[in-house]
Amino acid sequence: MGARTDLSSLVPLLAQAAEEAGKPAPQVVPVTLDVTDARSAPAAAASIASSFPRLDILSINAGYLERRVRIAESNPSEWQKTWSVNVFEPYLVTRAFLPLMLGKGRDKTIINLGSIATHLTLPGASAYQTSKLAVLRFTQFLDVDHGPDGILTFAVHPGGVPTDLGKRLPEQRHKALTETPELCADTLVFLTEKRR
């Protein structure tokens, strides 16, 4: 389990949730993984490899939303940052963790969290919306390149959840942020618990 921040406080909560579900407590190795640091993903993968012989599920949820402006008024460095965080860094994370998944049996899954923006063309959102479309296409290429190796891939829209990123949307869009993180989490568990 990895994120930019320390997740070790979640380990007891995961154990409690497993107990409540009648399951054994999972072995969890919290790692700090900052997608904006190119050295972070290989270091996190090495940390996981030292504790586990393989990785069955990789879920990547990276996102940056630039300020909404038309292309003519856009800031090239913001545009590039959006693409870097939303597309290039997930590629780096995937590339770093693939060795833990390849050749280790079948039933491996990679999930890239996308956005409804994949399917939209709203004024002022050219960097974010095209980058999320690129995440979808990257996920399709993962399937083409590594599906024969037993890796199943999904690009999932997480729903209208009021996240920090979502709160940066224009005020009139906030009324659509009515869902909970648990809705997407339950869907991801369903998709990864067995091959369908």
N, C-alpha and C. Protein backbone atom coordinates (compact mmCIF):
# COMPACT_ATOMS: atom_id res chain seq x y z
N MET A 1 0.85 -1.15 0.00
CA MET A 1 0.00 0.00 0.00
C MET A 1 0.90 1.22 0.00
N GLY A 2 0.71 2.11 -0.97
CA GLY A 2 1.59 3.26 -1.07
C GLY A 2 0.86 4.54 -1.37
N ALA A 3 1.43 5.63 -0.91
CA ALA A 3 0.90 6.97 -1.16
C ALA A 3 2.00 7.97 -0.87
N ARG A 4 1.71 9.25 -1.17
CA ARG A 4 2.68 10.31 -0.86
C ARG A 4 2.89 10.45 0.63
N THR A 5 1.88 10.12 1.42
CA THR A 5 1.95 10.29 2.87
C THR A 5 2.07 8.94 3.55
N ASP A 6 2.42 8.96 4.81
CA ASP A 6 2.58 7.74 5.60
C ASP A 6 1.21 7.10 5.84
N LEU A 7 1.07 5.86 5.43
CA LEU A 7 -0.20 5.14 5.58
C LEU A 7 -0.18 4.11 6.70
N SER A 8 0.86 4.11 7.51
CA SER A 8 0.98 3.07 8.54
C SER A 8 -0.18 3.10 9.53
N SER A 9 -0.83 4.25 9.70
CA SER A 9 -1.97 4.32 10.62
C SER A 9 -3.17 3.53 10.09
N LEU A 10 -3.17 3.18 8.80
CA LEU A 10 -4.27 2.41 8.23
C LEU A 10 -4.14 0.91 8.46
N VAL A 11 -2.94 0.45 8.81
CA VAL A 11 -2.72 -0.99 8.97
C VAL A 11 -3.67 -1.59 10.01
N PRO A 12 -3.84 -0.99 11.21
CA PRO A 12 -4.79 -1.57 12.17
C PRO A 12 -6.24 -1.52 11.66
N LEU A 13 -6.57 -0.50 10.89
CA LEU A 13 -7.93 -0.41 10.34
C LEU A 13 -8.18 -1.52 9.32
N LEU A 14 -7.17 -1.84 8.53
CA LEU A 14 -7.29 -2.95 7.58
C LEU A 14 -7.45 -4.28 8.31
N ALA A 15 -6.70 -4.46 9.38
CA ALA A 15 -6.82 -5.69 10.17
C ALA A 15 -8.20 -5.79 10.79
N GLN A 16 -8.72 -4.67 11.28
CA GLN A 16 -10.06 -4.66 11.87
C GLN A 16 -11.12 -4.97 10.82
N ALA A 17 -11.00 -4.38 9.64
CA ALA A 17 -11.97 -4.64 8.57
C ALA A 17 -11.93 -6.11 8.16
N ALA A 18 -10.74 -6.69 8.08
CA ALA A 18 -10.62 -8.11 7.74
C ALA A 18 -11.28 -8.97 8.80
N GLU A 19 -11.05 -8.64 10.06
CA GLU A 19 -11.65 -9.41 11.15
C GLU A 19 -13.17 -9.34 11.08
N GLU A 20 -13.70 -8.14 10.85
CA GLU A 20 -15.15 -7.96 10.75
C GLU A 20 -15.74 -8.73 9.57
N ALA A 21 -14.95 -8.93 8.53
CA ALA A 21 -15.40 -9.68 7.36
C ALA A 21 -15.14 -11.18 7.50
N GLY A 22 -14.57 -11.58 8.65
CA GLY A 22 -14.28 -13.00 8.86
C GLY A 22 -13.08 -13.49 8.07
N LYS A 23 -12.17 -12.59 7.74
CA LYS A 23 -10.99 -12.93 6.95
C LYS A 23 -9.74 -12.74 7.81
N PRO A 24 -8.65 -13.41 7.45
CA PRO A 24 -7.40 -13.18 8.19
C PRO A 24 -6.86 -11.78 7.89
N ALA A 25 -6.16 -11.22 8.84
CA ALA A 25 -5.57 -9.90 8.65
C ALA A 25 -4.53 -9.97 7.54
N PRO A 26 -4.55 -9.03 6.62
CA PRO A 26 -3.58 -9.05 5.53
C PRO A 26 -2.20 -8.61 6.02
N GLN A 27 -1.18 -9.10 5.34
CA GLN A 27 0.16 -8.59 5.59
C GLN A 27 0.31 -7.33 4.74
N VAL A 28 0.58 -6.22 5.39
CA VAL A 28 0.63 -4.93 4.71
C VAL A 28 2.01 -4.31 4.89
N VAL A 29 2.56 -3.84 3.78
CA VAL A 29 3.83 -3.11 3.82
C VAL A 29 3.55 -1.71 3.30
N PRO A 30 3.37 -0.74 4.20
CA PRO A 30 3.15 0.63 3.72
C PRO A 30 4.43 1.22 3.14
N VAL A 31 4.32 1.82 1.97
CA VAL A 31 5.47 2.48 1.35
C VAL A 31 5.07 3.90 0.96
N THR A 32 6.03 4.79 1.00
CA THR A 32 5.80 6.15 0.52
C THR A 32 6.16 6.17 -0.95
N LEU A 33 5.23 6.65 -1.76
CA LEU A 33 5.43 6.67 -3.20
C LEU A 33 4.91 7.99 -3.73
N ASP A 34 5.79 8.84 -4.15
CA ASP A 34 5.43 10.15 -4.70
C ASP A 34 5.66 10.09 -6.20
N VAL A 35 4.59 10.10 -6.98
CA VAL A 35 4.73 9.93 -8.43
C VAL A 35 5.50 11.06 -9.09
N THR A 36 5.68 12.18 -8.40
CA THR A 36 6.43 13.28 -9.00
C THR A 36 7.94 13.12 -8.83
N ASP A 37 8.36 12.07 -8.12
CA ASP A 37 9.79 11.78 -7.93
C ASP A 37 10.11 10.49 -8.68
N ALA A 38 10.90 10.60 -9.75
CA ALA A 38 11.19 9.45 -10.61
C ALA A 38 11.86 8.30 -9.87
N ARG A 39 12.53 8.57 -8.75
CA ARG A 39 13.19 7.51 -7.98
C ARG A 39 12.24 6.80 -7.03
N SER A 40 11.08 7.38 -6.80
CA SER A 40 10.16 6.86 -5.80
C SER A 40 9.57 5.50 -6.18
N ALA A 41 9.13 5.34 -7.41
CA ALA A 41 8.50 4.08 -7.82
C ALA A 41 9.47 2.90 -7.75
N PRO A 42 10.68 3.01 -8.30
CA PRO A 42 11.61 1.88 -8.17
C PRO A 42 11.94 1.56 -6.71
N ALA A 43 12.06 2.58 -5.86
CA ALA A 43 12.34 2.34 -4.44
C ALA A 43 11.17 1.64 -3.77
N ALA A 44 9.95 2.05 -4.10
CA ALA A 44 8.77 1.40 -3.53
C ALA A 44 8.67 -0.05 -4.00
N ALA A 45 8.94 -0.28 -5.28
CA ALA A 45 8.89 -1.65 -5.81
C ALA A 45 9.93 -2.52 -5.13
N ALA A 46 11.11 -1.98 -4.89
CA ALA A 46 12.16 -2.75 -4.20
C ALA A 46 11.74 -3.07 -2.77
N SER A 47 11.08 -2.13 -2.11
CA SER A 47 10.60 -2.36 -0.75
C SER A 47 9.56 -3.48 -0.72
N ILE A 48 8.65 -3.47 -1.67
CA ILE A 48 7.64 -4.53 -1.76
C ILE A 48 8.31 -5.86 -2.08
N ALA A 49 9.26 -5.86 -3.02
CA ALA A 49 9.95 -7.10 -3.42
C ALA A 49 10.70 -7.73 -2.26
N SER A 50 11.16 -6.93 -1.31
CA SER A 50 11.89 -7.48 -0.17
C SER A 50 10.95 -8.19 0.81
N SER A 51 9.64 -7.93 0.71
CA SER A 51 8.68 -8.56 1.61
C SER A 51 7.80 -9.61 0.94
N PHE A 52 7.60 -9.48 -0.36
CA PHE A 52 6.71 -10.38 -1.08
C PHE A 52 7.39 -10.88 -2.35
N PRO A 53 7.16 -12.13 -2.73
CA PRO A 53 7.78 -12.64 -3.96
C PRO A 53 7.09 -12.14 -5.22
N ARG A 54 5.86 -11.63 -5.07
CA ARG A 54 5.12 -11.19 -6.25
C ARG A 54 4.09 -10.14 -5.83
N LEU A 55 3.55 -9.49 -6.83
CA LEU A 55 2.48 -8.52 -6.63
C LEU A 55 1.30 -8.96 -7.49
N ASP A 56 0.13 -9.07 -6.89
CA ASP A 56 -1.05 -9.53 -7.63
C ASP A 56 -1.87 -8.38 -8.19
N ILE A 57 -1.94 -7.27 -7.46
CA ILE A 57 -2.79 -6.15 -7.87
C ILE A 57 -2.00 -4.85 -7.75
N LEU A 58 -2.02 -4.06 -8.81
CA LEU A 58 -1.44 -2.73 -8.80
C LEU A 58 -2.54 -1.75 -9.16
N SER A 59 -2.83 -0.82 -8.27
CA SER A 59 -3.85 0.20 -8.51
C SER A 59 -3.18 1.56 -8.44
N ILE A 60 -3.33 2.34 -9.50
CA ILE A 60 -2.67 3.65 -9.57
C ILE A 60 -3.74 4.74 -9.65
N ASN A 61 -3.66 5.66 -8.70
CA ASN A 61 -4.60 6.78 -8.65
C ASN A 61 -3.80 8.07 -8.54
N ALA A 62 -3.31 8.54 -9.68
CA ALA A 62 -2.54 9.79 -9.71
C ALA A 62 -3.34 10.82 -10.48
N GLY A 63 -3.38 12.03 -9.97
CA GLY A 63 -4.12 13.05 -10.69
C GLY A 63 -3.72 14.45 -10.32
N TYR A 64 -3.68 15.29 -11.32
CA TYR A 64 -3.44 16.72 -11.14
C TYR A 64 -4.39 17.45 -12.07
N LEU A 65 -5.07 18.45 -11.54
CA LEU A 65 -6.03 19.23 -12.31
C LEU A 65 -5.53 20.66 -12.41
N GLU A 66 -5.23 21.07 -13.62
CA GLU A 66 -4.73 22.43 -13.84
C GLU A 66 -5.87 23.44 -13.70
N ARG A 67 -5.51 24.71 -13.58
CA ARG A 67 -6.51 25.77 -13.55
C ARG A 67 -7.18 25.81 -14.93
N ARG A 68 -8.49 25.95 -14.92
CA ARG A 68 -9.23 25.91 -16.18
C ARG A 68 -9.10 27.22 -16.94
N VAL A 69 -8.43 27.13 -18.06
CA VAL A 69 -8.29 28.26 -18.98
C VAL A 69 -8.27 27.70 -20.40
N ARG A 70 -8.64 28.55 -21.34
CA ARG A 70 -8.59 28.12 -22.73
C ARG A 70 -7.14 27.93 -23.15
N ILE A 71 -6.93 27.17 -24.21
CA ILE A 71 -5.58 26.83 -24.65
C ILE A 71 -4.74 28.08 -24.90
N ALA A 72 -5.31 29.11 -25.51
CA ALA A 72 -4.55 30.32 -25.81
C ALA A 72 -4.01 30.99 -24.54
N GLU A 73 -4.72 30.84 -23.42
CA GLU A 73 -4.29 31.46 -22.16
C GLU A 73 -3.58 30.46 -21.24
N SER A 74 -3.40 29.24 -21.69
CA SER A 74 -2.83 28.21 -20.82
C SER A 74 -1.35 28.45 -20.56
N ASN A 75 -0.89 27.88 -19.46
CA ASN A 75 0.51 27.96 -19.06
C ASN A 75 1.17 26.65 -19.49
N PRO A 76 2.16 26.68 -20.39
CA PRO A 76 2.77 25.44 -20.87
C PRO A 76 3.33 24.56 -19.75
N SER A 77 3.88 25.16 -18.70
CA SER A 77 4.43 24.32 -17.62
C SER A 77 3.31 23.63 -16.85
N GLU A 78 2.15 24.28 -16.68
CA GLU A 78 1.01 23.63 -16.03
C GLU A 78 0.46 22.50 -16.90
N TRP A 79 0.41 22.74 -18.20
CA TRP A 79 -0.06 21.72 -19.14
C TRP A 79 0.85 20.51 -19.05
N GLN A 80 2.17 20.76 -19.06
CA GLN A 80 3.14 19.66 -18.98
C GLN A 80 3.05 18.95 -17.64
N LYS A 81 2.86 19.68 -16.55
CA LYS A 81 2.75 19.06 -15.22
C LYS A 81 1.53 18.13 -15.18
N THR A 82 0.43 18.58 -15.76
CA THR A 82 -0.78 17.76 -15.79
C THR A 82 -0.50 16.44 -16.49
N TRP A 83 0.12 16.50 -17.65
CA TRP A 83 0.44 15.28 -18.39
C TRP A 83 1.47 14.43 -17.66
N SER A 84 2.41 15.07 -17.01
CA SER A 84 3.43 14.33 -16.28
C SER A 84 2.81 13.54 -15.13
N VAL A 85 2.02 14.21 -14.30
CA VAL A 85 1.41 13.53 -13.14
C VAL A 85 0.38 12.50 -13.59
N ASN A 86 -0.44 12.85 -14.56
CA ASN A 86 -1.57 11.99 -14.93
C ASN A 86 -1.21 10.84 -15.87
N VAL A 87 -0.13 10.98 -16.64
CA VAL A 87 0.22 9.95 -17.63
C VAL A 87 1.62 9.39 -17.42
N PHE A 88 2.63 10.25 -17.41
CA PHE A 88 4.01 9.76 -17.37
C PHE A 88 4.33 9.07 -16.04
N GLU A 89 3.95 9.67 -14.93
CA GLU A 89 4.27 9.03 -13.65
C GLU A 89 3.55 7.69 -13.46
N PRO A 90 2.27 7.55 -13.83
CA PRO A 90 1.67 6.21 -13.77
C PRO A 90 2.40 5.19 -14.65
N TYR A 91 2.92 5.65 -15.79
CA TYR A 91 3.75 4.76 -16.62
C TYR A 91 4.98 4.32 -15.83
N LEU A 92 5.65 5.28 -15.16
CA LEU A 92 6.85 4.93 -14.38
C LEU A 92 6.53 3.95 -13.26
N VAL A 93 5.40 4.16 -12.58
CA VAL A 93 5.00 3.25 -11.49
C VAL A 93 4.72 1.87 -12.06
N THR A 94 3.97 1.81 -13.15
CA THR A 94 3.66 0.53 -13.78
C THR A 94 4.94 -0.19 -14.19
N ARG A 95 5.82 0.53 -14.84
CA ARG A 95 7.08 -0.06 -15.31
C ARG A 95 7.91 -0.59 -14.14
N ALA A 96 7.92 0.13 -13.03
CA ALA A 96 8.70 -0.31 -11.86
C ALA A 96 8.13 -1.57 -11.22
N PHE A 97 6.80 -1.70 -11.23
CA PHE A 97 6.17 -2.83 -10.55
C PHE A 97 5.92 -4.04 -11.44
N LEU A 98 5.97 -3.88 -12.75
CA LEU A 98 5.72 -5.01 -13.66
C LEU A 98 6.62 -6.22 -13.38
N PRO A 99 7.90 -6.05 -13.06
CA PRO A 99 8.72 -7.24 -12.79
C PRO A 99 8.19 -8.09 -11.63
N LEU A 100 7.46 -7.49 -10.70
CA LEU A 100 6.86 -8.25 -9.60
C LEU A 100 5.61 -9.01 -10.04
N MET A 101 5.13 -8.72 -11.24
CA MET A 101 3.90 -9.33 -11.72
C MET A 101 4.16 -10.32 -12.86
N LEU A 102 5.14 -10.03 -13.69
CA LEU A 102 5.41 -10.88 -14.85
C LEU A 102 6.11 -12.17 -14.44
N GLY A 103 5.68 -13.28 -15.06
CA GLY A 103 6.31 -14.56 -14.80
C GLY A 103 6.05 -15.11 -13.41
N LYS A 104 5.05 -14.58 -12.72
CA LYS A 104 4.76 -15.01 -11.35
C LYS A 104 3.38 -15.67 -11.27
N GLY A 105 2.99 -16.35 -12.34
CA GLY A 105 1.66 -16.94 -12.38
C GLY A 105 0.68 -15.98 -13.03
N ARG A 106 -0.53 -16.44 -13.17
CA ARG A 106 -1.55 -15.62 -13.82
C ARG A 106 -2.35 -14.87 -12.78
N ASP A 107 -3.45 -14.31 -13.18
CA ASP A 107 -4.36 -13.59 -12.28
C ASP A 107 -3.71 -12.38 -11.64
N LYS A 108 -3.02 -11.59 -12.42
CA LYS A 108 -2.48 -10.32 -11.97
C LYS A 108 -3.35 -9.22 -12.58
N THR A 109 -3.54 -8.14 -11.82
CA THR A 109 -4.42 -7.07 -12.28
C THR A 109 -3.77 -5.71 -12.08
N ILE A 110 -3.87 -4.87 -13.10
CA ILE A 110 -3.44 -3.48 -13.00
C ILE A 110 -4.67 -2.61 -13.23
N ILE A 111 -4.89 -1.69 -12.29
CA ILE A 111 -6.03 -0.78 -12.37
C ILE A 111 -5.50 0.65 -12.42
N ASN A 112 -5.92 1.38 -13.42
CA ASN A 112 -5.62 2.81 -13.48
C ASN A 112 -6.91 3.58 -13.23
N LEU A 113 -6.88 4.44 -12.23
CA LEU A 113 -8.05 5.26 -11.94
C LEU A 113 -8.08 6.41 -12.92
N GLY A 114 -9.17 6.51 -13.62
CA GLY A 114 -9.33 7.54 -14.63
C GLY A 114 -10.24 8.64 -14.14
N SER A 115 -11.15 9.03 -15.00
CA SER A 115 -12.05 10.13 -14.68
C SER A 115 -13.14 10.17 -15.74
N ILE A 116 -14.26 10.76 -15.38
CA ILE A 116 -15.30 11.02 -16.37
C ILE A 116 -14.73 11.96 -17.45
N ALA A 117 -13.68 12.70 -17.09
CA ALA A 117 -13.04 13.63 -18.03
C ALA A 117 -12.52 12.92 -19.27
N THR A 118 -12.31 11.61 -19.18
CA THR A 118 -11.88 10.83 -20.34
C THR A 118 -12.83 11.04 -21.51
N HIS A 119 -14.09 11.25 -21.22
CA HIS A 119 -15.13 11.29 -22.24
C HIS A 119 -15.69 12.69 -22.49
N LEU A 120 -15.06 13.71 -21.91
CA LEU A 120 -15.58 15.07 -22.02
C LEU A 120 -14.63 15.97 -22.80
N THR A 121 -15.19 17.04 -23.34
CA THR A 121 -14.39 18.11 -23.95
C THR A 121 -14.96 19.44 -23.47
N LEU A 122 -14.73 19.74 -22.20
CA LEU A 122 -15.23 20.99 -21.63
C LEU A 122 -14.22 22.11 -21.85
N PRO A 123 -14.69 23.31 -22.11
CA PRO A 123 -13.78 24.43 -22.33
C PRO A 123 -12.85 24.62 -21.13
N GLY A 124 -11.58 24.86 -21.42
CA GLY A 124 -10.63 25.17 -20.37
C GLY A 124 -10.00 23.98 -19.68
N ALA A 125 -10.33 22.77 -20.11
CA ALA A 125 -9.81 21.57 -19.43
C ALA A 125 -8.99 20.70 -20.39
N SER A 126 -8.32 21.33 -21.34
CA SER A 126 -7.64 20.55 -22.38
C SER A 126 -6.55 19.63 -21.84
N ALA A 127 -5.78 20.07 -20.89
CA ALA A 127 -4.68 19.23 -20.38
C ALA A 127 -5.23 18.05 -19.59
N TYR A 128 -6.12 18.32 -18.64
CA TYR A 128 -6.64 17.25 -17.78
C TYR A 128 -7.43 16.22 -18.59
N GLN A 129 -8.34 16.70 -19.42
CA GLN A 129 -9.21 15.77 -20.13
C GLN A 129 -8.45 14.95 -21.16
N THR A 130 -7.51 15.53 -21.86
CA THR A 130 -6.74 14.72 -22.81
C THR A 130 -5.80 13.77 -22.07
N SER A 131 -5.28 14.18 -20.92
CA SER A 131 -4.39 13.28 -20.18
C SER A 131 -5.15 12.08 -19.64
N LYS A 132 -6.38 12.28 -19.19
CA LYS A 132 -7.16 11.14 -18.69
C LYS A 132 -7.58 10.22 -19.84
N LEU A 133 -7.78 10.77 -21.03
CA LEU A 133 -8.01 9.92 -22.20
C LEU A 133 -6.75 9.10 -22.49
N ALA A 134 -5.59 9.71 -22.33
CA ALA A 134 -4.33 8.99 -22.54
C ALA A 134 -4.16 7.87 -21.52
N VAL A 135 -4.63 8.06 -20.29
CA VAL A 135 -4.56 6.98 -19.28
C VAL A 135 -5.38 5.78 -19.75
N LEU A 136 -6.55 6.05 -20.32
CA LEU A 136 -7.37 4.96 -20.86
C LEU A 136 -6.61 4.22 -21.96
N ARG A 137 -6.02 4.96 -22.88
CA ARG A 137 -5.29 4.32 -23.98
C ARG A 137 -4.06 3.57 -23.45
N PHE A 138 -3.35 4.13 -22.47
CA PHE A 138 -2.20 3.45 -21.88
C PHE A 138 -2.64 2.13 -21.26
N THR A 139 -3.79 2.13 -20.60
CA THR A 139 -4.31 0.90 -20.00
C THR A 139 -4.62 -0.13 -21.07
N GLN A 140 -5.14 0.31 -22.21
CA GLN A 140 -5.39 -0.60 -23.32
C GLN A 140 -4.08 -1.18 -23.85
N PHE A 141 -3.04 -0.36 -23.91
CA PHE A 141 -1.74 -0.87 -24.36
C PHE A 141 -1.15 -1.86 -23.36
N LEU A 142 -1.38 -1.64 -22.07
CA LEU A 142 -0.95 -2.64 -21.08
C LEU A 142 -1.59 -3.98 -21.38
N ASP A 143 -2.87 -3.95 -21.74
CA ASP A 143 -3.58 -5.19 -22.06
C ASP A 143 -2.99 -5.83 -23.31
N VAL A 144 -2.73 -5.04 -24.34
CA VAL A 144 -2.16 -5.57 -25.58
C VAL A 144 -0.76 -6.14 -25.34
N ASP A 145 0.06 -5.41 -24.59
CA ASP A 145 1.44 -5.84 -24.35
C ASP A 145 1.55 -6.97 -23.34
N HIS A 146 0.72 -6.95 -22.28
CA HIS A 146 0.93 -7.89 -21.18
C HIS A 146 -0.29 -8.75 -20.84
N GLY A 147 -1.38 -8.59 -21.58
CA GLY A 147 -2.51 -9.51 -21.41
C GLY A 147 -2.10 -10.95 -21.65
N PRO A 148 -1.29 -11.23 -22.69
CA PRO A 148 -0.83 -12.61 -22.90
C PRO A 148 0.03 -13.15 -21.76
N ASP A 149 0.56 -12.26 -20.93
CA ASP A 149 1.34 -12.68 -19.76
C ASP A 149 0.46 -12.95 -18.54
N GLY A 150 -0.86 -12.83 -18.72
CA GLY A 150 -1.78 -13.08 -17.61
C GLY A 150 -2.16 -11.84 -16.82
N ILE A 151 -1.82 -10.67 -17.33
CA ILE A 151 -2.16 -9.43 -16.62
C ILE A 151 -3.45 -8.86 -17.20
N LEU A 152 -4.42 -8.70 -16.33
CA LEU A 152 -5.70 -8.11 -16.68
C LEU A 152 -5.65 -6.63 -16.33
N THR A 153 -6.16 -5.77 -17.20
CA THR A 153 -6.09 -4.34 -16.94
C THR A 153 -7.47 -3.71 -16.95
N PHE A 154 -7.63 -2.70 -16.11
CA PHE A 154 -8.86 -1.92 -16.05
C PHE A 154 -8.52 -0.44 -15.95
N ALA A 155 -9.27 0.39 -16.64
CA ALA A 155 -9.28 1.83 -16.39
C ALA A 155 -10.65 2.11 -15.81
N VAL A 156 -10.68 2.65 -14.61
CA VAL A 156 -11.94 2.80 -13.87
C VAL A 156 -12.19 4.27 -13.54
N HIS A 157 -13.40 4.71 -13.81
CA HIS A 157 -13.83 6.05 -13.37
C HIS A 157 -14.27 5.90 -11.92
N PRO A 158 -13.65 6.61 -10.98
CA PRO A 158 -13.94 6.39 -9.56
C PRO A 158 -15.26 6.95 -9.08
N GLY A 159 -15.97 7.68 -9.91
CA GLY A 159 -17.25 8.24 -9.49
C GLY A 159 -17.09 9.70 -9.07
N GLY A 160 -18.22 10.30 -8.77
CA GLY A 160 -18.24 11.70 -8.34
C GLY A 160 -18.00 11.81 -6.85
N VAL A 161 -16.75 11.71 -6.45
CA VAL A 161 -16.37 11.72 -5.04
C VAL A 161 -15.79 13.09 -4.70
N PRO A 162 -16.21 13.68 -3.58
CA PRO A 162 -15.70 15.00 -3.21
C PRO A 162 -14.27 14.94 -2.66
N THR A 163 -13.31 14.79 -3.56
CA THR A 163 -11.89 14.73 -3.19
C THR A 163 -11.29 16.14 -3.22
N ASP A 164 -10.06 16.26 -2.77
CA ASP A 164 -9.37 17.55 -2.87
C ASP A 164 -9.29 18.01 -4.32
N LEU A 165 -9.01 17.08 -5.23
CA LEU A 165 -8.93 17.42 -6.64
C LEU A 165 -10.30 17.85 -7.16
N GLY A 166 -11.35 17.13 -6.78
CA GLY A 166 -12.69 17.46 -7.22
C GLY A 166 -13.17 18.82 -6.74
N LYS A 167 -12.70 19.22 -5.58
CA LYS A 167 -13.09 20.53 -5.04
C LYS A 167 -12.50 21.68 -5.84
N ARG A 168 -11.52 21.37 -6.71
CA ARG A 168 -10.94 22.40 -7.58
C ARG A 168 -11.78 22.63 -8.83
N LEU A 169 -12.80 21.79 -9.02
CA LEU A 169 -13.70 21.99 -10.16
C LEU A 169 -14.51 23.26 -9.95
N PRO A 170 -15.08 23.82 -11.03
CA PRO A 170 -15.96 24.98 -10.86
C PRO A 170 -17.10 24.66 -9.89
N GLU A 171 -17.50 25.65 -9.12
CA GLU A 171 -18.50 25.48 -8.06
C GLU A 171 -19.76 24.76 -8.54
N GLN A 172 -20.24 25.06 -9.74
CA GLN A 172 -21.47 24.44 -10.23
C GLN A 172 -21.32 22.94 -10.44
N ARG A 173 -20.10 22.43 -10.52
CA ARG A 173 -19.87 20.99 -10.69
C ARG A 173 -19.85 20.24 -9.35
N HIS A 174 -19.73 20.95 -8.25
CA HIS A 174 -19.65 20.30 -6.94
C HIS A 174 -20.91 19.50 -6.60
N LYS A 175 -22.05 19.90 -7.13
CA LYS A 175 -23.29 19.18 -6.81
C LYS A 175 -23.28 17.75 -7.36
N ALA A 176 -22.39 17.46 -8.31
CA ALA A 176 -22.29 16.10 -8.85
C ALA A 176 -21.38 15.21 -8.00
N LEU A 177 -20.70 15.79 -7.03
CA LEU A 177 -19.76 15.01 -6.20
C LEU A 177 -20.51 14.44 -4.99
N THR A 178 -21.31 13.42 -5.25
CA THR A 178 -22.19 12.88 -4.20
C THR A 178 -21.85 11.46 -3.78
N GLU A 179 -20.87 10.85 -4.40
CA GLU A 179 -20.58 9.45 -4.12
C GLU A 179 -19.47 9.32 -3.08
N THR A 180 -19.32 8.11 -2.55
CA THR A 180 -18.32 7.87 -1.52
C THR A 180 -17.16 7.07 -2.10
N PRO A 181 -15.99 7.15 -1.48
CA PRO A 181 -14.86 6.33 -1.94
C PRO A 181 -15.18 4.83 -1.86
N GLU A 182 -16.03 4.44 -0.92
CA GLU A 182 -16.36 3.03 -0.75
C GLU A 182 -17.03 2.43 -1.99
N LEU A 183 -17.78 3.23 -2.74
CA LEU A 183 -18.44 2.73 -3.94
C LEU A 183 -17.40 2.21 -4.94
N CYS A 184 -16.40 3.03 -5.22
CA CYS A 184 -15.34 2.60 -6.14
C CYS A 184 -14.52 1.47 -5.53
N ALA A 185 -14.22 1.57 -4.23
CA ALA A 185 -13.42 0.53 -3.58
C ALA A 185 -14.11 -0.83 -3.67
N ASP A 186 -15.41 -0.86 -3.43
CA ASP A 186 -16.15 -2.12 -3.54
C ASP A 186 -16.10 -2.67 -4.97
N THR A 187 -16.19 -1.77 -5.95
CA THR A 187 -16.11 -2.19 -7.35
C THR A 187 -14.74 -2.78 -7.66
N LEU A 188 -13.69 -2.16 -7.14
CA LEU A 188 -12.34 -2.66 -7.39
C LEU A 188 -12.13 -4.03 -6.75
N VAL A 189 -12.68 -4.21 -5.56
CA VAL A 189 -12.59 -5.54 -4.92
C VAL A 189 -13.31 -6.57 -5.78
N PHE A 190 -14.50 -6.23 -6.27
CA PHE A 190 -15.25 -7.13 -7.13
C PHE A 190 -14.45 -7.50 -8.38
N LEU A 191 -13.82 -6.50 -9.00
CA LEU A 191 -13.06 -6.74 -10.24
C LEU A 191 -11.81 -7.58 -10.02
N THR A 192 -11.24 -7.52 -8.82
CA THR A 192 -9.95 -8.17 -8.60
C THR A 192 -10.02 -9.45 -7.78
N GLU A 193 -11.16 -9.75 -7.16
CA GLU A 193 -11.20 -10.93 -6.30
C GLU A 193 -11.09 -12.24 -7.08
N LYS A 194 -11.55 -12.25 -8.34
CA LYS A 194 -11.37 -13.42 -9.20
C LYS A 194 -11.55 -12.99 -10.65
N ARG A 195 -11.03 -13.81 -11.55
CA ARG A 195 -11.18 -13.52 -12.98
C ARG A 195 -12.64 -13.63 -13.36
N ARG A 196 -13.08 -12.72 -14.17
CA ARG A 196 -14.48 -12.72 -14.62
C ARG A 196 -14.54 -12.80 -16.13
